[in-house]
Protein backbone atom coordinates (compact mmCIF):
# COMPACT_ATOMS: atom_id res chain seq x y z
CA MET A 1 -30.60 -17.56 1.46
CA THR A 2 -27.92 -16.02 -0.52
CA GLY A 3 -27.03 -13.72 -3.21
CA GLU A 4 -27.80 -9.77 -2.50
CA SER A 5 -30.89 -9.94 -1.29
CA ALA A 6 -29.69 -12.42 1.88
CA MET A 7 -27.63 -9.10 3.11
CA PRO A 8 -29.11 -7.50 6.26
CA ARG A 9 -31.01 -4.39 5.63
CA PHE A 10 -29.66 -1.49 7.39
CA ARG A 11 -31.23 1.82 8.29
CA PRO A 12 -29.09 5.61 8.40
CA LEU A 13 -28.06 6.29 11.65
CA ASP A 14 -26.90 9.58 10.80
CA SER A 15 -24.89 7.90 7.70
CA GLY A 16 -23.50 11.19 6.46
CA ARG A 17 -21.87 12.07 9.65
CA LEU A 18 -20.94 8.75 10.55
CA LEU A 19 -19.30 8.38 7.35
CA THR A 20 -17.68 11.74 7.26
CA ALA A 21 -16.26 10.76 10.79
CA LEU A 22 -15.02 7.28 9.70
CA ARG A 23 -13.15 8.59 6.65
CA GLY A 24 -11.64 11.15 8.61
CA ALA A 25 -9.77 8.27 10.71
CA ILE A 26 -9.03 6.16 8.00
CA LEU A 27 -7.39 9.34 6.45
CA LEU A 28 -5.25 10.02 9.55
CA LEU A 29 -4.37 6.35 10.24
CA ALA A 30 -3.35 6.68 6.26
CA ALA A 31 -1.07 9.50 6.91
CA GLY A 32 0.41 7.71 10.18
CA ALA A 33 1.02 4.38 7.82
CA VAL A 34 3.20 6.98 5.33
CA LEU A 35 5.52 8.09 8.25
CA MET A 36 5.58 4.75 9.55
CA ILE A 37 6.50 3.61 5.86
CA VAL A 38 9.11 6.15 5.41
CA ARG A 39 10.76 4.58 8.67
CA LEU A 40 10.32 1.44 8.34
CA PRO A 41 11.11 0.32 12.35
CA TRP A 42 13.67 -2.22 13.05
CA ILE A 43 12.04 -4.49 15.41
CA GLY A 44 10.89 -8.09 15.18
CA ASP A 45 11.21 -10.17 11.79
CA MET A 46 12.53 -7.32 9.74
CA GLY A 47 15.83 -9.17 9.75
CA VAL A 48 14.84 -12.32 8.20
CA HIS A 49 12.49 -10.85 5.58
CA ALA A 50 14.95 -8.68 4.36
CA ALA A 51 17.73 -11.29 4.25
CA THR A 52 15.30 -13.52 2.54
CA VAL A 53 14.84 -11.05 -0.32
CA GLU A 54 18.83 -10.45 -0.34
CA ARG A 55 19.58 -13.90 -0.94
CA LEU A 56 17.17 -14.02 -3.78
CA ARG A 57 17.97 -11.20 -5.67
CA HIS A 58 21.65 -12.39 -5.61
CA ASP A 59 21.23 -15.89 -6.74
CA LEU A 60 17.26 -16.61 -7.97
CA VAL A 61 17.59 -20.51 -8.22
CA HIS A 62 19.60 -21.46 -5.42
CA PRO A 63 19.60 -19.21 -2.65
CA GLY A 64 20.20 -20.97 0.56
CA ASN A 65 19.22 -20.47 3.91
CA PRO A 66 18.52 -16.77 4.43
CA MET A 67 20.09 -16.46 7.68
CA VAL A 68 22.89 -19.45 7.71
CA ASP A 69 25.59 -20.44 4.98
CA SER A 70 24.28 -23.98 4.38
CA PRO A 71 22.39 -24.96 1.28
CA THR A 72 18.97 -25.60 2.85
CA ASP A 73 15.48 -24.67 1.73
CA SER A 74 13.52 -22.28 3.79
CA PRO A 75 9.77 -21.31 4.17
CA TYR A 76 10.69 -17.81 3.64
CA TYR A 77 10.92 -18.23 0.01
CA SER A 78 7.18 -17.39 -0.89
CA PRO A 79 5.87 -16.52 -4.33
CA TRP A 80 5.62 -13.11 -2.30
CA THR A 81 9.41 -12.53 -1.85
CA VAL A 82 10.64 -14.04 -5.39
CA CYS A 83 7.89 -10.99 -7.07
CA LEU A 84 10.09 -8.95 -4.37
CA ALA A 85 13.38 -9.66 -5.35
CA LEU A 86 12.40 -10.08 -8.99
CA PHE A 87 11.44 -6.17 -8.36
CA ALA A 88 14.36 -5.25 -6.85
CA LYS A 89 16.80 -7.06 -9.40
CA ALA A 90 14.67 -4.68 -12.26
CA THR A 91 14.78 -1.57 -10.64
CA GLY A 92 18.21 -2.07 -8.62
CA LEU A 93 16.26 -0.75 -5.42
CA ASP A 94 18.16 -1.20 -1.92
CA THR A 95 16.61 -4.22 -0.13
CA PHE A 96 15.15 -1.83 2.60
CA ASP A 97 13.56 0.33 -0.15
CA VAL A 98 11.64 -2.59 -1.94
CA LEU A 99 10.10 -3.62 1.52
CA ARG A 100 9.22 -0.08 1.67
CA CYS A 101 7.45 -0.56 -1.58
CA ALA A 102 6.12 -4.12 -0.53
CA ALA A 103 4.32 -2.62 2.76
CA VAL A 104 2.76 0.03 0.49
CA VAL A 105 1.30 -3.29 -1.50
CA GLY A 106 0.51 -4.93 1.29
CA LEU A 107 -1.43 -2.24 3.49
CA LEU A 108 -3.25 -1.26 0.07
CA LEU A 109 -4.08 -4.54 -1.03
CA LEU A 110 -5.12 -5.45 2.92
CA ALA A 111 -7.56 -2.16 2.83
CA PHE A 112 -9.12 -3.26 -0.73
CA GLY A 113 -10.07 -7.17 0.62
CA VAL A 114 -11.40 -5.76 3.83
CA ARG A 115 -13.31 -3.95 1.35
CA GLN A 116 -14.59 -6.35 -0.70
CA PHE A 117 -15.34 -9.15 1.66
CA VAL A 118 -17.23 -6.49 3.91
CA ARG A 119 -19.23 -5.31 0.66
CA THR A 120 -20.28 -8.96 0.73
CA LEU A 121 -21.94 -9.04 4.14
CA SER A 122 -23.44 -5.46 4.29
CA PRO A 123 -24.19 -2.63 1.65
CA HIS A 124 -23.55 0.05 4.09
CA PRO A 125 -21.27 2.63 3.08
CA ALA A 126 -19.49 2.44 6.47
CA ALA A 127 -19.17 -1.05 7.17
CA PRO A 128 -15.76 -1.29 5.00
CA PRO A 129 -14.17 1.60 7.04
CA LEU A 130 -15.41 0.93 10.78
CA ALA A 131 -14.54 -2.40 10.13
CA VAL A 132 -11.18 -1.51 9.19
CA LEU A 133 -10.98 0.67 12.24
CA CYS A 134 -12.49 -2.44 14.42
CA LEU A 135 -9.67 -4.78 13.12
CA LEU A 136 -6.84 -2.27 14.51
CA LEU A 137 -8.34 -1.31 17.55
CA LEU A 138 -10.75 -3.87 18.96
CA TRP A 139 -8.28 -6.15 20.93
CA GLY A 140 -7.46 -5.40 24.27
CA VAL A 141 -5.22 -2.41 26.45
CA LYS A 142 -2.16 -4.44 26.36
CA PRO A 143 -0.52 -4.30 22.51
CA PHE A 144 2.03 -7.03 21.04
CA ILE A 145 3.31 -7.59 18.07
CA TRP A 146 2.89 -11.04 16.17
CA SER A 147 2.91 -11.39 12.35
CA GLY A 148 -0.68 -12.08 10.69
CA PHE A 149 -2.13 -10.19 13.90
CA LEU A 150 -3.59 -6.83 12.95
CA GLY A 151 -3.54 -4.78 16.08
CA LEU A 152 -2.22 -1.36 14.98
CA THR A 153 1.00 -1.45 17.18
CA SER A 154 1.32 -4.65 15.40
CA LEU A 155 0.62 -4.30 11.83
CA SER A 156 2.81 -1.18 12.29
CA ALA A 157 5.65 -3.33 13.02
CA ASN A 158 4.52 -5.73 10.32
CA ALA A 159 3.75 -3.71 7.13
CA SER A 160 6.08 -5.07 5.40
CA TYR A 161 5.93 -8.48 5.88
CA PRO A 162 4.49 -11.13 4.04
CA SER A 163 1.92 -11.92 6.75
CA THR A 164 0.38 -8.75 5.59
CA PHE A 165 0.53 -9.35 1.91
CA ALA A 166 -1.33 -12.77 2.65
CA THR A 167 -3.87 -11.31 4.93
CA GLY A 168 -5.34 -9.07 2.19
CA LEU A 169 -5.03 -11.60 -0.20
CA GLY A 170 -7.02 -14.04 2.26
CA PHE A 171 -9.84 -11.10 2.63
CA LEU A 172 -9.81 -11.26 -1.18
CA LEU A 173 -10.31 -14.46 -1.55
CA LEU A 174 -12.96 -14.67 0.24
CA ALA A 175 -15.11 -11.69 -1.48
CA LEU A 176 -14.07 -13.45 -4.66
CA LEU A 177 -15.72 -16.94 -3.50
CA THR A 178 -18.56 -15.39 -2.19
CA HIS A 179 -19.58 -13.79 -5.27
CA ALA A 180 -18.57 -17.40 -7.32
CA LEU A 181 -21.12 -19.16 -4.93
CA ARG A 182 -23.86 -16.73 -5.68
CA ARG A 183 -23.39 -16.77 -9.15
CA PRO A 184 -24.66 -19.93 -10.64
CA ASP A 185 -22.86 -20.02 -13.89
CA THR A 186 -19.55 -19.35 -12.33
CA GLY A 187 -17.03 -21.83 -14.39
CA PHE A 188 -14.29 -24.28 -13.54
CA ALA A 189 -11.92 -21.78 -14.67
CA ALA A 190 -12.52 -18.97 -11.75
CA TYR A 191 -12.29 -21.55 -9.29
CA ALA A 192 -9.10 -22.92 -10.68
CA GLY A 193 -7.76 -19.41 -10.23
CA LEU A 194 -9.72 -19.39 -6.73
CA GLY A 195 -7.20 -22.27 -5.52
CA ALA A 196 -4.27 -20.79 -7.35
CA LEU A 197 -4.81 -17.81 -5.07
CA TRP A 198 -5.38 -19.74 -1.92
CA ALA A 199 -2.13 -21.58 -2.65
CA VAL A 200 0.21 -18.16 -3.40
CA LEU A 201 -1.67 -16.70 0.00
CA THR A 202 -0.80 -20.48 2.02
CA LEU A 203 2.90 -20.39 0.53
CA SER A 204 3.53 -16.82 1.47
CA HIS A 205 2.45 -17.26 5.22
CA GLN A 206 1.29 -20.98 6.20
CA PHE A 207 -0.12 -20.16 9.31
CA THR A 208 -2.26 -17.38 7.45
CA GLY A 209 -3.45 -19.73 5.10
CA VAL A 210 -4.99 -21.87 7.81
CA VAL A 211 -6.67 -18.94 9.01
CA PHE A 212 -8.42 -18.30 5.55
CA THR A 213 -8.81 -21.70 4.74
CA PHE A 214 -11.36 -21.50 7.88
CA GLY A 215 -12.92 -18.11 6.41
CA ALA A 216 -13.39 -19.95 3.11
CA LEU A 217 -15.16 -22.91 4.92
CA GLY A 218 -17.21 -20.05 6.53
CA VAL A 219 -18.46 -18.76 3.49
CA LEU A 220 -18.83 -22.15 1.76
CA VAL A 221 -21.41 -22.95 4.32
CA THR A 222 -23.78 -20.47 2.79
CA ALA A 223 -23.87 -21.83 -0.56
CA ARG A 224 -27.79 -22.65 -1.43
CA ALA A 225 -29.04 -26.12 -0.40
CA GLY A 226 -29.23 -28.16 -3.92
CA SER A 227 -26.55 -26.75 -5.38
CA ALA A 228 -23.73 -29.56 -4.25
CA ARG A 229 -24.16 -31.25 -7.66
CA VAL A 230 -22.84 -28.55 -9.60
CA LEU A 231 -20.91 -26.72 -6.90
CA LEU A 232 -18.49 -29.94 -5.73
CA PRO A 233 -16.63 -30.40 -9.44
CA ARG A 234 -15.60 -27.11 -9.13
CA LEU A 235 -14.71 -26.73 -5.44
CA ALA A 236 -12.49 -30.22 -6.28
CA ALA A 237 -10.91 -28.44 -9.37
CA ALA A 238 -10.32 -25.42 -7.04
CA LEU A 239 -8.34 -27.69 -4.26
CA ALA A 240 -6.84 -29.73 -6.82
CA VAL A 241 -4.92 -26.79 -8.48
CA GLY A 242 -4.09 -25.37 -5.09
CA LEU A 243 -2.68 -28.45 -3.93
CA ALA A 244 -0.46 -29.13 -7.20
CA ILE A 245 0.86 -25.62 -6.64
CA LEU A 246 1.73 -26.40 -3.30
CA ALA A 247 2.92 -29.97 -4.01
CA VAL A 248 5.62 -28.82 -7.11
CA TRP A 249 6.80 -25.17 -5.39
CA PRO A 250 10.55 -25.33 -5.67
CA TYR A 251 11.73 -23.44 -2.69
CA TYR A 252 10.55 -25.50 -0.17
CA SER A 253 8.59 -28.77 0.49
CA PHE A 254 4.89 -26.98 1.83
CA PHE A 255 3.84 -30.68 3.24
CA ALA A 256 7.21 -30.98 4.90
CA LEU A 257 6.20 -28.45 7.17
CA LEU A 258 3.24 -30.43 8.64
CA GLY A 259 5.73 -32.38 10.38
CA ALA A 260 7.99 -29.57 11.67
CA GLY A 261 8.60 -29.52 15.11
CA GLY A 262 10.43 -27.05 17.63
CA LEU A 263 7.61 -24.58 17.20
CA GLU A 264 5.66 -24.80 20.82
CA GLU A 265 7.94 -22.90 23.19
CA ILE A 266 8.36 -20.11 20.60
CA HIS A 267 4.49 -19.90 20.67
CA GLN A 268 3.84 -20.29 24.02
CA PRO A 269 3.29 -16.91 24.74
CA LEU A 270 0.27 -16.22 22.56
CA TYR A 271 -2.00 -18.43 25.22
CA GLN A 272 -0.49 -15.94 27.97
CA HIS A 273 -1.89 -12.77 29.27
CA THR A 274 -5.39 -13.38 27.02
CA LEU A 275 -7.63 -11.39 28.71
CA VAL A 276 -5.60 -7.99 28.40
CA ARG A 277 -4.27 -9.24 25.10
CA PHE A 278 -7.96 -9.69 23.68
CA GLY A 279 -10.48 -7.98 26.65
CA LEU A 280 -12.29 -5.95 24.14
CA VAL A 281 -12.90 -8.74 21.53
CA PRO A 282 -16.02 -10.12 23.72
CA LEU A 283 -18.19 -7.21 22.11
CA GLY A 284 -17.52 -8.77 18.79
CA VAL A 285 -18.36 -12.01 20.43
CA LEU A 286 -22.06 -10.33 21.15
CA ALA A 287 -22.14 -9.21 17.73
CA LEU A 288 -21.58 -12.90 16.52
CA ALA A 289 -24.10 -14.23 18.64
CA LEU A 290 -26.84 -11.85 17.21
CA ARG A 291 -25.84 -13.09 14.01
CA LEU A 292 -26.29 -16.69 14.86
CA ARG A 293 -29.73 -16.11 16.35
CA ARG A 294 -30.53 -14.99 12.75
CA ASP A 295 -28.65 -17.19 10.47
CA ARG A 296 -27.05 -20.57 11.66
CA ARG A 297 -24.88 -20.69 9.00
CA ASP A 298 -23.49 -17.11 9.11
CA PRO A 299 -19.81 -17.15 7.42
CA LEU A 300 -18.33 -15.07 10.34
CA VAL A 301 -19.98 -17.27 12.64
CA VAL A 302 -18.26 -20.40 11.39
CA TRP A 303 -15.42 -19.03 10.81
CA PHE A 304 -15.05 -18.16 14.28
CA ALA A 305 -16.01 -21.18 15.90
CA LEU A 306 -13.47 -23.07 13.47
CA GLY A 307 -10.88 -20.70 14.63
CA LEU A 308 -12.00 -21.36 18.42
CA VAL A 309 -12.38 -25.10 18.53
CA THR A 310 -8.20 -25.18 17.16
CA VAL A 311 -6.74 -22.16 19.36
CA ALA A 312 -8.48 -24.23 22.10
CA ALA A 313 -7.02 -27.70 21.03
CA GLY A 314 -3.90 -26.09 21.02
CA ALA A 315 -4.26 -24.93 24.73
CA ALA A 316 -5.62 -28.57 25.69
CA LEU A 317 -2.73 -30.67 23.61
CA ASP A 318 0.02 -27.78 25.02
CA LYS A 319 0.54 -27.57 20.77
CA TRP A 320 1.11 -23.58 21.34
CA SER A 321 1.70 -23.01 17.67
CA LEU A 322 -1.91 -23.55 17.00
CA GLY A 323 -2.29 -20.01 18.95
CA ARG A 324 -1.09 -18.81 15.38
CA THR A 325 -4.82 -18.98 14.35
CA GLU A 326 -6.26 -16.76 17.20
CA PRO A 327 -6.86 -14.30 14.05
CA ALA A 328 -9.26 -16.78 12.73
CA VAL A 329 -11.40 -15.89 16.16
CA VAL A 330 -10.76 -12.17 16.30
CA MET A 331 -11.39 -10.69 13.15
CA PRO A 332 -14.72 -12.42 12.27
CA ALA A 333 -15.51 -10.74 15.75
CA GLN A 334 -14.33 -7.35 15.06
CA ILE A 335 -16.18 -7.36 11.62
CA ALA A 336 -19.01 -8.28 13.46
CA ALA A 337 -18.68 -5.70 15.79
CA ALA A 338 -18.74 -3.01 13.17
CA LEU A 339 -21.67 -4.79 11.03
CA CYS A 340 -23.75 -4.84 14.64
CA VAL A 341 -23.92 -1.16 14.29
CA LEU A 342 -25.36 -0.29 10.91
CA GLU A 343 -27.82 -3.59 10.32
CA SER A 344 -31.46 -3.54 10.78
CA GLY A 345 -32.58 -4.20 14.65
CA ALA A 346 -33.87 -2.03 17.35
CA ARG A 347 -32.79 1.60 16.94
CA ARG A 348 -32.02 2.05 21.00
CA PHE A 349 -30.13 -1.02 20.84
CA ARG A 350 -27.90 -0.40 17.71
CA ALA A 351 -27.40 2.87 19.16
CA ALA A 352 -26.30 1.77 22.58
CA PHE A 353 -24.13 -0.76 20.83
CA ALA A 354 -22.52 2.15 18.67
CA ALA A 355 -21.70 4.15 21.99
CA VAL A 356 -20.29 1.04 23.61
CA LEU A 357 -18.29 0.40 20.53
CA THR A 358 -16.98 3.62 20.20
CA ALA A 359 -15.63 3.80 23.70
CA ALA A 360 -14.35 0.41 23.47
CA LEU A 361 -12.39 1.77 20.18
CA ALA A 362 -10.93 4.84 21.81
CA VAL A 363 -10.07 2.73 24.78
CA GLY A 364 -8.06 0.60 21.97
CA LEU A 365 -6.97 3.24 20.67
CA TRP A 366 -4.85 4.57 24.26
CA ALA A 367 -3.92 0.76 24.42
CA GLN A 368 -1.78 0.97 21.15
CA ARG A 369 -0.32 4.52 21.58
CA ASP A 370 2.93 3.20 21.03
CA ALA A 371 2.33 3.12 17.52
CA VAL A 372 3.13 6.39 17.58
CA THR A 373 6.84 5.66 18.86
CA PHE A 374 7.78 4.22 15.30
CA VAL A 375 7.33 7.60 13.28
CA VAL A 376 8.24 9.88 16.32
CA ARG A 377 11.29 9.94 18.15
CA GLU A 378 10.57 9.29 21.70
CA ASP A 379 11.72 12.08 23.13
CA ALA A 380 9.28 14.27 20.85
CA LEU A 381 6.60 12.61 22.89
CA PRO A 382 5.08 12.75 26.54
CA ALA A 383 5.73 10.13 28.87
CA ALA A 384 2.11 8.91 28.93
CA VAL A 385 2.19 7.82 25.59
CA THR A 386 6.26 6.44 25.31
CA ALA A 387 5.43 4.45 28.95
CA GLY A 388 5.94 0.93 28.23
CA ALA A 389 6.82 1.34 24.52
CA TRP A 390 8.28 -0.59 22.28
CA LYS A 391 11.87 -0.20 21.35
CA VAL A 392 13.14 0.40 17.96
CA TRP A 393 16.13 -1.68 17.27
CA GLU A 394 19.44 0.03 16.18
CA PRO A 395 20.89 -2.54 13.85
CA PRO A 396 24.26 -3.14 13.21
CA ALA A 397 24.58 -1.64 9.89
CA TRP A 398 27.77 -0.10 10.61
CA THR A 399 29.55 -3.18 10.22
CA THR A 400 28.65 -3.53 6.38
CA ARG A 401 32.05 -1.06 6.24
CA TYR A 402 34.04 -4.08 6.88
CA THR A 403 32.20 -7.00 5.60
CA ALA A 404 31.02 -8.60 2.64
CA TYR A 405 28.02 -9.98 0.84
CA GLY A 406 28.15 -13.68 2.23
CA ASP A 407 30.77 -13.17 5.00
CA VAL A 408 30.12 -15.00 8.36
CA VAL A 409 29.95 -13.59 11.20
CA LEU A 410 29.70 -15.25 15.09
CA THR A 411 27.75 -13.48 17.56
CA GLY A 412 26.22 -14.51 20.91
CA ASP A 413 23.88 -11.17 20.81
CA GLN A 414 20.39 -12.34 19.63
CA GLY A 415 19.57 -8.71 18.24
CA ALA A 416 22.24 -8.83 16.02
CA ALA A 417 22.06 -12.45 14.78
CA ILE A 418 18.36 -11.64 13.38
CA THR A 419 19.31 -8.49 12.04
CA LEU A 420 22.95 -8.71 10.33
CA PRO A 421 21.82 -11.12 7.30
CA ALA A 422 19.46 -8.34 6.30
CA TYR A 423 23.16 -6.68 5.13
CA GLY A 424 24.27 -9.74 3.33
CA GLY A 425 26.29 -11.79 6.12
CA TYR A 426 25.83 -15.04 7.34
CA THR A 427 25.51 -16.19 11.18
CA VAL A 428 26.08 -18.72 12.57
CA GLY A 429 23.28 -19.68 15.06
CA THR A 430 19.83 -19.40 13.22
CA GLY A 431 18.16 -16.96 15.17
CA TYR A 432 14.87 -18.49 15.19
CA PRO A 433 13.21 -21.91 15.08
CA ASP A 434 14.39 -24.00 11.51
CA PHE A 435 12.88 -26.93 10.42
CA PHE A 436 14.80 -27.51 7.41
CA LEU A 437 18.41 -26.95 8.84
CA PRO A 438 19.80 -30.10 9.91
CA ASP A 439 22.62 -29.14 11.97
CA GLU A 440 20.43 -26.27 13.70
CA ASP A 441 20.75 -27.25 17.62
CA ARG A 442 24.64 -27.73 17.52
CA ARG A 443 25.03 -24.39 15.75
CA ASP A 444 23.20 -22.68 18.36
CA ALA A 445 24.97 -25.19 21.09
CA ASP A 446 28.70 -23.83 19.34
CA THR A 447 27.36 -20.33 19.39
CA GLU A 448 26.76 -20.81 23.26
CA ARG A 449 29.54 -22.53 24.07
CA TYR A 450 32.34 -20.24 22.51
CA PHE A 451 30.68 -17.29 24.42
CA ALA A 452 30.25 -19.65 27.57
CA PRO A 453 32.78 -18.35 30.44
CA GLY A 454 35.25 -21.38 30.79
CA THR A 455 35.67 -22.27 27.53
CA PRO A 456 39.28 -23.80 26.33
CA ARG A 457 40.75 -21.58 23.68
CA GLU A 458 40.90 -24.63 21.52
CA GLU A 459 37.29 -25.37 21.29
CA ARG A 460 36.93 -21.59 20.41
CA LEU A 461 39.10 -21.42 17.90
CA ALA A 462 37.37 -24.82 16.14
CA VAL A 463 34.14 -22.96 16.22
CA LEU A 464 35.32 -20.38 14.45
CA ARG A 465 37.33 -23.13 11.74
CA ARG A 466 34.12 -25.18 11.56
CA TYR A 467 31.90 -22.28 10.48
CA ASP A 468 34.33 -20.59 8.01
CA VAL A 469 33.59 -17.53 10.81
CA ARG A 470 35.54 -14.30 9.26
CA TRP A 471 34.02 -11.86 11.76
CA VAL A 472 33.30 -12.12 15.58
CA LEU A 473 30.60 -9.11 17.07
CA GLN A 474 30.34 -9.02 20.81
CA ARG A 475 30.68 -6.51 23.45
CA PRO A 476 33.68 -6.74 25.28
CA SER A 477 32.15 -8.15 28.52
CA ARG A 478 30.19 -11.12 26.94
CA GLY A 479 32.89 -14.04 27.22
CA GLY A 480 34.65 -15.21 23.62
CA LEU A 481 38.02 -14.95 23.10
CA PRO A 482 39.62 -12.27 24.91
CA ALA A 483 40.54 -8.92 22.81
CA GLY A 484 44.23 -9.47 22.52
CA ASP A 485 44.26 -13.00 21.73
CA PRO A 486 46.14 -13.23 18.25
CA ALA A 487 43.16 -14.68 16.39
CA LEU A 488 41.05 -11.68 16.49
CA ARG A 489 42.14 -8.16 15.14
CA GLU A 490 39.44 -5.61 16.55
CA ALA A 491 38.35 -3.81 12.77
CA GLY A 492 35.80 -1.54 14.20
CA ARG A 493 33.21 -0.41 17.22
CA GLY A 494 29.98 0.30 16.86
CA PRO A 495 27.59 3.08 18.44
CA ASP A 496 26.18 0.73 20.94
CA GLY A 497 29.37 -0.26 22.52
CA ARG A 498 29.72 -3.54 20.09
CA VAL A 499 33.43 -4.73 18.60
CA LEU A 500 33.71 -6.22 15.27
CA TYR A 501 36.56 -8.26 15.00
CA GLU A 502 38.27 -10.04 12.40
CA VAL A 503 39.60 -13.72 12.41
CA VAL A 504 43.06 -14.22 11.43
CA ASP A 505 43.08 -17.05 9.53
CA GLU A 506 46.44 -17.85 9.81
CA VAL A 507 46.27 -18.28 13.47
CA VAL A 508 43.36 -19.94 13.28
CA GLY A 509 44.68 -22.69 11.20
CA GLN A 510 47.74 -23.18 13.04
CA ALA A 511 46.14 -23.61 16.48
CA THR A 512 44.16 -26.59 14.85
CA GLY A 513 46.76 -27.94 13.24
CA GLN A 514 45.47 -27.20 9.42
CA ALA A 515 46.42 -24.56 6.76
CA PRO A 516 44.84 -21.40 6.53
CA GLY A 517 42.34 -21.02 3.76
CA ARG A 518 40.12 -23.56 5.14
CA ALA A 519 36.06 -24.67 3.25
CA GLY A 520 33.16 -23.77 5.32
CA ALA A 521 31.38 -26.14 7.62
CA ALA A 522 30.09 -29.43 6.43
CA GLY A 523 27.39 -29.18 3.69
CA ALA A 524 27.71 -25.07 3.38
CA VAL A 525 28.09 -23.63 0.39
CA SER A 526 31.02 -20.58 1.80
CA GLY A 527 30.40 -16.74 1.04
CA PRO A 528 32.27 -15.16 -0.82
CA ARG A 529 35.65 -13.46 0.93
């Protein structure tokens, strides 16, 4: 069955009190989100997303690599980041203020998308806010941070990321697709729009695109029998539009990503500590089992099954990057848990399930209490809250007093390497796997070689020259050229003990037997001096 009449009936279950309590919880979370957006905690991938906006706002046509001085494509240049760059150019706002605006839009779109999709599954007014709580809290007892994962701690760090925008867009896509399937008169134009929406979502965050492609397949399974003759041409049109947009996107080749390598090692942690990270999710799996008994074509069950098969395949084949589809396993289970409390059935069972779910959400909230440290100073919080909390980084913003946009900075500090480009500079090493950067391995090896003990001075100078390095950022004890070397001139010291050295072009050029005023690395576009 399809249509509104196919929705499960619900009983009141003290609807007034429940709805009031849920709205109160959502308001508290919203207040915390406002504080988090104001602070915009530096953790995770903030640097690369800020750098992406920086490159696009300076050159919308040929932005080059967001992290290193090279004219290569990048999957970070998505429809969403292009919109943010246009907004930045139009308003003149600082890049980090633009990211704050991105967090506001992303969170609002996420809340709206969840609401619209959940309302296609249940008419109960408490269903959307309860689903939001389950999506945020029904995870495990050990929080973790990863783009596209909606745990409270993770979302607090990732609110401004493209994955949040894409997830909200994904839920909206599922809602619109459901409504289209329930209206036999939905025309080709509407389905073409759905195809375009899917393409924008997929270009904005590729892994999230896969997750919601599974969700869309789950929704399609609910299509009424006998509608294939009308539906298939419309779905073909939607797919054609979506694939066409993917094919013509100018900033990177989407289909080239299908052959990307070097992603397995960085994603292996997604298959570790499974029990403590996802220990509360089985409650949602039980709810899915009950839905399966009622309807073998339930969209949440199909979505969950597709995600589970993919994640299991990743474990069996050592394709750890498939772990990024874990939200396709977790999110349908979380939504099912929320709906199980509200749908028709034995009242005693629903009451018992509600009690267990309430306890699980309380456990999840306590487990993710460290999200508070993103908005409140740790010294103002009790030790029970800050124990094991994620540390917010202190980016090297002080270096901008000396560096100019496009300057190349050599650093062996991973934290600095992934934050410096946010302020307009480039680094030598990438800090992240980069499928489109042909000399990625050499850059990383040269960075390691420069700071390695015992590396001859001539080799270190050659590295500085090869990448047109203007500055070296390091701690005094971390190797590299000694502080008194004539090739370096100390420019400033940061509060964290790191020292910024200016490279003396004349000395570097003479030491390598070439004149100063060198060009950049082969194939690179030298930054402004």
